[in-house]
Every structure is written in C-alpha cells, then in structure tokens.
Protein backbone atom coordinates (compact mmCIF):
# COMPACT_ATOMS: atom_id res chain seq x y z
CA MET A 1 135.50 127.85 55.77
CA THR A 2 135.13 131.57 55.24
CA GLU A 3 134.12 133.73 58.19
CA HIS A 4 130.70 135.34 57.92
CA SER A 5 129.63 138.49 59.67
CA CYS A 6 125.97 137.69 60.20
CA LEU A 7 124.95 137.01 63.80
CA ARG A 8 123.53 133.57 63.09
CA CYS A 9 126.80 132.39 61.54
CA ARG A 10 128.89 133.94 64.33
CA ASP A 11 126.76 132.27 66.98
CA TYR A 12 127.07 128.96 65.19
CA LEU A 13 130.85 129.29 64.95
CA GLU A 14 131.15 130.29 68.64
CA GLN A 15 128.99 127.34 69.64
CA GLU A 16 131.07 124.95 67.48
CA ARG A 17 134.29 126.25 69.06
CA ALA A 18 132.83 125.82 72.51
CA TRP A 19 131.81 122.22 71.74
CA GLN A 20 135.27 121.50 70.37
CA GLN A 21 136.80 122.80 73.59
CA VAL A 22 134.47 120.66 75.69
CA LEU A 23 135.33 117.64 73.54
CA ARG A 24 139.07 118.32 73.97
CA GLU A 25 138.65 118.59 77.75
CA LYS A 26 136.72 115.30 77.91
CA GLN A 27 139.27 113.57 75.75
CA ASP A 28 142.10 114.83 78.02
CA ALA A 29 140.23 113.67 81.09
CA TRP A 30 139.53 110.27 79.57
CA PHE A 31 143.19 109.92 78.60
CA LYS A 32 144.24 110.64 82.18
CA VAL A 33 141.75 108.18 83.57
CA ARG A 34 142.97 105.56 81.13
CA GLN A 35 146.60 106.15 82.08
CA ASP A 36 145.70 105.83 85.79
CA LEU A 37 143.88 102.56 85.17
CA GLU A 38 146.76 101.16 83.13
CA LEU A 39 149.20 102.08 85.90
CA ARG A 40 146.99 100.37 88.52
CA LEU A 41 146.69 97.28 86.36
CA THR A 42 150.40 97.09 85.85
CA LEU A 43 151.07 97.42 89.57
CA THR A 44 148.48 94.74 90.33
CA GLU A 45 150.02 92.39 87.77
CA CYS A 46 153.48 92.94 89.28
CA LEU A 47 152.20 92.26 92.80
CA LEU A 48 150.41 89.14 91.69
CA PHE A 49 153.47 87.88 89.86
CA ALA A 50 155.66 88.50 92.91
CA ALA A 51 153.18 86.68 95.16
CA THR A 52 153.05 83.74 92.72
CA VAL A 53 156.84 83.52 92.61
CA ALA A 54 157.01 83.63 96.40
CA LEU A 55 154.46 80.80 96.70
CA VAL A 56 156.31 78.72 94.14
CA LEU A 57 159.62 79.24 95.94
CA ILE A 58 158.01 78.27 99.24
CA ALA A 59 156.49 75.16 97.62
CA VAL A 60 159.81 74.15 95.99
CA PHE A 61 162.21 74.85 98.80
CA GLY A 62 159.88 74.33 101.74
CA GLY A 63 158.78 76.78 104.34
CA GLY A 64 161.81 76.60 106.46
C-alpha cells in the first residue's frame, strides 16, 4: 500500500496500526494464559497418575 499524505488516510493508517498493536498484545496475553493452563494441566495429570500408582501399589502389596 502506498502512503498518502491526506489527513483522513493518515488517521486511518494510524488507527489500523494501533489496532494491530492491540491485537498483538491480546494474542501474546492469550498465548501466556494458554501456556499457564497447559502447565497446570500437566502437573495435575502427573499428580493424579502418581496417586493412582500409589493406590495400586497399596492394593497389590497391602498396606503394611
């Protein structure tokens, strides 16, 4: 796109750049939230697996 010097075009281009920046910031924030949720899910899955293994071992070998 060629740059225009009229005020209307400049205002439009500035507004478009501002919206693109807002979109990038929101995408970055969503990416971070998604990473945090995936980490929490992974930790929860690991803890549940460990608890299941512990219960199976107790059931198989007895409680003491």
